Amino acid sequence: MAIALCRAGLNEATIIHEMQVRAFLPLLNKYLDYETSPANEPLNRIIHRLNQTFTDYYLIRLSDINVGAIRIVRKENQVHRVSPIFILPEYQGRGIAQQVFALIEEKYNNARKWELDTIAQEKGNCYLYEKLGYQQTGEEKEINHKMSIVFYEKKLTNTDATLDCQQ
């Protein structure tokens, strides 16, 4: 199963939006989170993000089929944020997200820390991120009586960095 990441531009905004709605709609229906759910975001919000100089969007492809997308936000001090990542429902549970994280970490190998958040009640998501080395920060935000967002980070040691500079 060959996973590829293809850099997305404004031409792919509609494709990203349609997949995002499909991927997040089951969660919107489950938690009724109309304020912050990616399934409820308008197309112009994705266009705005695609225009950000500190944002990279990638289509996630499986055998030339778009099966999801991931957005990387490059922050200060080599901190990167994943917001969002999604896989279409019919392709979930196949290990695609794990491969995507491996590809992203390889591509952004200068990152010292990765950040992301997910729905605390979605134990499968939490399990995945923890399996990939992410740890909860302790910060949690209640969205409504049905759901909370939990925040994760993964600190990396940059092996290229010189820690002890003696002359």
C-alpha atoms as a PDB file:
ATOM      1  CA  MET A   1       0.000   0.000   0.000  1.00  0.00           C
ATOM      2  CA  ALA A   2       1.887   3.022  -1.313  1.00  0.00           C
ATOM      3  CA  ILE A   3       0.924   6.286   0.309  1.00  0.00           C
ATOM      4  CA  ALA A   4       1.992   9.534  -1.336  1.00  0.00           C
ATOM      5  CA  LEU A   5       1.738  13.134  -0.188  1.00  0.00           C
ATOM      6  CA  CYS A   6       1.075  15.658  -2.947  1.00  0.00           C
ATOM      7  CA  ARG A   7       1.460  19.343  -2.166  1.00  0.00           C
ATOM      8  CA  ALA A   8      -1.892  21.068  -2.584  1.00  0.00           C
ATOM      9  CA  GLY A   9      -2.528  24.547  -3.898  1.00  0.00           C
ATOM     10  CA  LEU A  10      -5.551  26.737  -4.486  1.00  0.00           C
ATOM     11  CA  ASN A  11      -6.662  24.491  -7.362  1.00  0.00           C
ATOM     12  CA  GLU A  12      -7.246  21.692  -4.824  1.00  0.00           C
ATOM     13  CA  ALA A  13      -9.254  23.784  -2.333  1.00  0.00           C
ATOM     14  CA  THR A  14     -12.598  22.321  -3.417  1.00  0.00           C
ATOM     15  CA  ILE A  15     -11.258  18.755  -3.305  1.00  0.00           C
ATOM     16  CA  ILE A  16      -9.883  19.317   0.207  1.00  0.00           C
ATOM     17  CA  HIS A  17     -13.136  20.914   1.359  1.00  0.00           C
ATOM     18  CA  GLU A  18     -15.315  18.102   0.021  1.00  0.00           C
ATOM     19  CA  MET A  19     -13.121  15.412   1.603  1.00  0.00           C
ATOM     20  CA  GLN A  20     -12.925  17.314   4.901  1.00  0.00           C
ATOM     21  CA  VAL A  21     -16.710  17.541   5.120  1.00  0.00           C
ATOM     22  CA  ARG A  22     -17.090  13.813   4.332  1.00  0.00           C
ATOM     23  CA  ALA A  23     -14.398  12.818   6.830  1.00  0.00           C
ATOM     24  CA  PHE A  24     -15.669  14.949   9.717  1.00  0.00           C
ATOM     25  CA  LEU A  25     -19.440  14.698   9.146  1.00  0.00           C
ATOM     26  CA  PRO A  26     -19.849  11.563  11.319  1.00  0.00           C
ATOM     27  CA  LEU A  27     -18.172  13.425  14.212  1.00  0.00           C
ATOM     28  CA  LEU A  28     -20.311  16.521  13.637  1.00  0.00           C
ATOM     29  CA  ASN A  29     -23.438  14.363  13.770  1.00  0.00           C
ATOM     30  CA  LYS A  30     -22.208  12.562  16.893  1.00  0.00           C
ATOM     31  CA  TYR A  31     -21.073  15.587  18.938  1.00  0.00           C
ATOM     32  CA  LEU A  32     -23.223  18.372  17.414  1.00  0.00           C
ATOM     33  CA  ASP A  33     -20.253  20.727  17.431  1.00  0.00           C
ATOM     34  CA  TYR A  34     -21.379  23.272  14.871  1.00  0.00           C
ATOM     35  CA  GLU A  35     -18.957  25.987  16.012  1.00  0.00           C
ATOM     36  CA  THR A  36     -15.567  24.280  15.583  1.00  0.00           C
ATOM     37  CA  SER A  37     -16.156  21.133  13.514  1.00  0.00           C
ATOM     38  CA  PRO A  38     -14.133  20.995  10.275  1.00  0.00           C
ATOM     39  CA  ALA A  39     -17.235  19.479   8.655  1.00  0.00           C
ATOM     40  CA  ASN A  40     -18.972  22.819   9.158  1.00  0.00           C
ATOM     41  CA  GLU A  41     -16.196  25.042   7.772  1.00  0.00           C
ATOM     42  CA  PRO A  42     -16.856  27.010   4.610  1.00  0.00           C
ATOM     43  CA  LEU A  43     -14.657  26.595   1.537  1.00  0.00           C
ATOM     44  CA  ASN A  44     -13.240  30.109   1.947  1.00  0.00           C
ATOM     45  CA  ARG A  45     -11.624  29.066   5.242  1.00  0.00           C
ATOM     46  CA  ILE A  46      -9.567  26.433   3.421  1.00  0.00           C
ATOM     47  CA  ILE A  47      -8.695  28.947   0.701  1.00  0.00           C
ATOM     48  CA  HIS A  48      -7.536  31.356   3.409  1.00  0.00           C
ATOM     49  CA  ARG A  49      -5.308  28.652   4.946  1.00  0.00           C
ATOM     50  CA  LEU A  50      -3.885  27.669   1.563  1.00  0.00           C
ATOM     51  CA  ASN A  51      -2.824  31.293   1.117  1.00  0.00           C
ATOM     52  CA  GLN A  52      -0.956  31.381   4.438  1.00  0.00           C
ATOM     53  CA  THR A  53       2.811  31.448   3.929  1.00  0.00           C
ATOM     54  CA  PHE A  54       3.359  29.327   7.059  1.00  0.00           C
ATOM     55  CA  THR A  55       0.919  26.579   6.019  1.00  0.00           C
ATOM     56  CA  ASP A  56       1.497  23.523   3.821  1.00  0.00           C
ATOM     57  CA  TYR A  57      -1.414  21.361   2.691  1.00  0.00           C
ATOM     58  CA  TYR A  58      -0.944  17.895   1.242  1.00  0.00           C
ATOM     59  CA  LEU A  59      -3.389  15.554  -0.408  1.00  0.00           C
ATOM     60  CA  ILE A  60      -2.987  12.024   0.910  1.00  0.00           C
ATOM     61  CA  ARG A  61      -3.050   9.617  -2.002  1.00  0.00           C
ATOM     62  CA  LEU A  62      -3.393   5.864  -2.133  1.00  0.00           C
ATOM     63  CA  SER A  63      -2.730   4.481  -5.612  1.00  0.00           C
ATOM     64  CA  ASP A  64      -3.573   7.849  -7.234  1.00  0.00           C
ATOM     65  CA  ILE A  65      -6.834   8.155  -5.273  1.00  0.00           C
ATOM     66  CA  ASN A  66      -7.259  11.110  -2.899  1.00  0.00           C
ATOM     67  CA  VAL A  67      -8.105   9.549   0.464  1.00  0.00           C
ATOM     68  CA  GLY A  68      -7.522  12.516   2.765  1.00  0.00           C
ATOM     69  CA  ALA A  69      -5.401  15.548   3.505  1.00  0.00           C
ATOM     70  CA  ILE A  70      -3.082  16.985   6.105  1.00  0.00           C
ATOM     71  CA  ARG A  71      -2.204  20.571   6.938  1.00  0.00           C
ATOM     72  CA  ILE A  72       1.130  21.462   8.506  1.00  0.00           C
ATOM     73  CA  VAL A  73       1.471  24.809  10.256  1.00  0.00           C
ATOM     74  CA  ARG A  74       5.071  25.948  10.652  1.00  0.00           C
ATOM     75  CA  LYS A  75       5.321  27.918  13.875  1.00  0.00           C
ATOM     76  CA  GLU A  76       8.299  29.620  15.524  1.00  0.00           C
ATOM     77  CA  ASN A  77      11.293  27.781  16.991  1.00  0.00           C
ATOM     78  CA  GLN A  78      10.940  24.697  14.774  1.00  0.00           C
ATOM     79  CA  VAL A  79       7.506  23.865  16.200  1.00  0.00           C
ATOM     80  CA  HIS A  80       5.057  22.360  13.714  1.00  0.00           C
ATOM     81  CA  ARG A  81       1.340  21.775  14.156  1.00  0.00           C
ATOM     82  CA  VAL A  82      -0.906  19.256  12.416  1.00  0.00           C
ATOM     83  CA  SER A  83      -4.324  20.858  11.964  1.00  0.00           C
ATOM     84  CA  PRO A  84      -6.181  19.029  10.547  1.00  0.00           C
ATOM     85  CA  ILE A  85      -5.407  15.557   9.299  1.00  0.00           C
ATOM     86  CA  PHE A  86      -8.242  13.452   7.956  1.00  0.00           C
ATOM     87  CA  ILE A  87      -8.801  10.221   6.087  1.00  0.00           C
ATOM     88  CA  LEU A  88     -12.062   9.489   4.279  1.00  0.00           C
ATOM     89  CA  PRO A  89     -14.237   7.079   6.303  1.00  0.00           C
ATOM     90  CA  GLU A  90     -13.984   4.237   3.779  1.00  0.00           C
ATOM     91  CA  TYR A  91     -10.161   4.297   4.027  1.00  0.00           C
ATOM     92  CA  GLN A  92      -9.863   4.607   7.819  1.00  0.00           C
ATOM     93  CA  GLY A  93      -8.397   1.774   9.856  1.00  0.00           C
ATOM     94  CA  ARG A  94      -5.834   0.780   7.220  1.00  0.00           C
ATOM     95  CA  GLY A  95      -2.742   2.332   8.795  1.00  0.00           C
ATOM     96  CA  ILE A  96      -2.732   5.256   6.355  1.00  0.00           C
ATOM     97  CA  ALA A  97      -2.474   7.943   9.049  1.00  0.00           C
ATOM     98  CA  GLN A  98       0.541   6.203  10.611  1.00  0.00           C
ATOM     99  CA  GLN A  99       2.316   6.226   7.254  1.00  0.00           C
ATOM    100  CA  VAL A 100       1.405   9.879   6.718  1.00  0.00           C
ATOM    101  CA  PHE A 101       2.932  10.872  10.056  1.00  0.00           C
ATOM    102  CA  ALA A 102       6.130   8.991   9.186  1.00  0.00           C
ATOM    103  CA  LEU A 103       6.329  10.794   5.830  1.00  0.00           C
ATOM    104  CA  ILE A 104       5.636  14.189   7.388  1.00  0.00           C
ATOM    105  CA  GLU A 105       8.222  13.737  10.142  1.00  0.00           C
ATOM    106  CA  GLU A 106      10.773  12.721   7.517  1.00  0.00           C
ATOM    107  CA  LYS A 107       9.925  15.698   5.310  1.00  0.00           C
ATOM    108  CA  TYR A 108      10.005  18.203   8.205  1.00  0.00           C
ATOM    109  CA  ASN A 109      13.031  16.649   9.874  1.00  0.00           C
ATOM    110  CA  ASN A 110      14.104  19.986  11.358  1.00  0.00           C
ATOM    111  CA  ALA A 111      11.069  20.055  13.662  1.00  0.00           C
ATOM    112  CA  ARG A 112      11.874  20.045  17.371  1.00  0.00           C
ATOM    113  CA  LYS A 113       8.257  19.666  18.452  1.00  0.00           C
ATOM    114  CA  TRP A 114       4.968  18.622  16.872  1.00  0.00           C
ATOM    115  CA  GLU A 115       1.572  19.688  18.182  1.00  0.00           C
ATOM    116  CA  LEU A 116      -1.975  18.537  17.487  1.00  0.00           C
ATOM    117  CA  ASP A 117      -5.320  18.148  19.185  1.00  0.00           C
ATOM    118  CA  THR A 118      -8.219  15.751  18.950  1.00  0.00           C
ATOM    119  CA  ILE A 119     -11.542  14.909  20.536  1.00  0.00           C
ATOM    120  CA  ALA A 120     -10.899  13.369  23.962  1.00  0.00           C
ATOM    121  CA  GLN A 121     -13.901  11.067  23.604  1.00  0.00           C
ATOM    122  CA  GLU A 122     -12.503   9.556  20.374  1.00  0.00           C
ATOM    123  CA  LYS A 123     -10.337   6.926  22.047  1.00  0.00           C
ATOM    124  CA  GLY A 124      -9.129   5.518  18.703  1.00  0.00           C
ATOM    125  CA  ASN A 125      -7.627   8.878  17.747  1.00  0.00           C
ATOM    126  CA  CYS A 126      -6.005   9.271  21.154  1.00  0.00           C
ATOM    127  CA  TYR A 127      -4.592   5.744  20.932  1.00  0.00           C
ATOM    128  CA  LEU A 128      -3.145   6.437  17.471  1.00  0.00           C
ATOM    129  CA  TYR A 129      -1.406   9.650  18.501  1.00  0.00           C
ATOM    130  CA  GLU A 130      -0.018   8.102  21.683  1.00  0.00           C
ATOM    131  CA  LYS A 131       1.211   5.102  19.669  1.00  0.00           C
ATOM    132  CA  LEU A 132       3.051   7.587  17.422  1.00  0.00           C
ATOM    133  CA  GLY A 133       4.837   9.114  20.418  1.00  0.00           C
ATOM    134  CA  TYR A 134       2.569  12.063  21.173  1.00  0.00           C
ATOM    135  CA  GLN A 135       1.879  12.887  24.802  1.00  0.00           C
ATOM    136  CA  GLN A 136      -1.010  14.810  26.284  1.00  0.00           C
ATOM    137  CA  THR A 137      -0.004  18.270  27.441  1.00  0.00           C
ATOM    138  CA  GLY A 138      -2.600  18.326  30.216  1.00  0.00           C
ATOM    139  CA  GLU A 139      -4.556  21.061  28.465  1.00  0.00           C
ATOM    140  CA  GLU A 140      -8.159  20.220  27.685  1.00  0.00           C
ATOM    141  CA  LYS A 141     -10.921  22.427  26.329  1.00  0.00           C
ATOM    142  CA  GLU A 142     -14.609  21.625  26.748  1.00  0.00           C
ATOM    143  CA  ILE A 143     -16.505  22.331  23.538  1.00  0.00           C
ATOM    144  CA  ASN A 144     -19.953  21.225  24.707  1.00  0.00           C
ATOM    145  CA  HIS A 145     -21.476  18.722  27.137  1.00  0.00           C
ATOM    146  CA  LYS A 146     -20.677  15.872  24.703  1.00  0.00           C
ATOM    147  CA  MET A 147     -17.049  16.581  23.811  1.00  0.00           C
ATOM    148  CA  SER A 148     -13.730  18.059  24.837  1.00  0.00           C
ATOM    149  CA  ILE A 149     -10.567  18.721  22.886  1.00  0.00           C
ATOM    150  CA  VAL A 150      -7.336  17.302  24.287  1.00  0.00           C
ATOM    151  CA  PHE A 151      -3.944  18.665  23.243  1.00  0.00           C
ATOM    152  CA  TYR A 152      -0.865  16.618  22.337  1.00  0.00           C
ATOM    153  CA  GLU A 153       2.778  17.262  21.636  1.00  0.00           C
ATOM    154  CA  LYS A 154       5.730  15.223  20.490  1.00  0.00           C
ATOM    155  CA  LYS A 155       9.174  16.513  21.339  1.00  0.00           C
ATOM    156  CA  LEU A 156      12.010  15.426  19.090  1.00  0.00           C
ATOM    157  CA  THR A 157      15.717  15.459  19.656  1.00  0.00           C
ATOM    158  CA  ASN A 158      17.527  16.938  16.709  1.00  0.00           C
ATOM    159  CA  THR A 159      20.562  14.710  16.209  1.00  0.00           C
ATOM    160  CA  ASP A 160      22.164  17.293  13.931  1.00  0.00           C
ATOM    161  CA  ALA A 161      22.324  19.875  16.715  1.00  0.00           C
ATOM    162  CA  THR A 162      25.602  20.357  18.499  1.00  0.00           C
ATOM    163  CA  LEU A 163      24.910  20.244  22.210  1.00  0.00           C
ATOM    164  CA  ASP A 164      28.410  20.711  23.523  1.00  0.00           C
ATOM    165  CA  CYS A 165      30.538  23.261  21.695  1.00  0.00           C
ATOM    166  CA  GLN A 166      34.035  23.267  23.091  1.00  0.00           C
ATOM    167  CA  GLN A 167      36.882  25.186  21.544  1.00  0.00           C
END
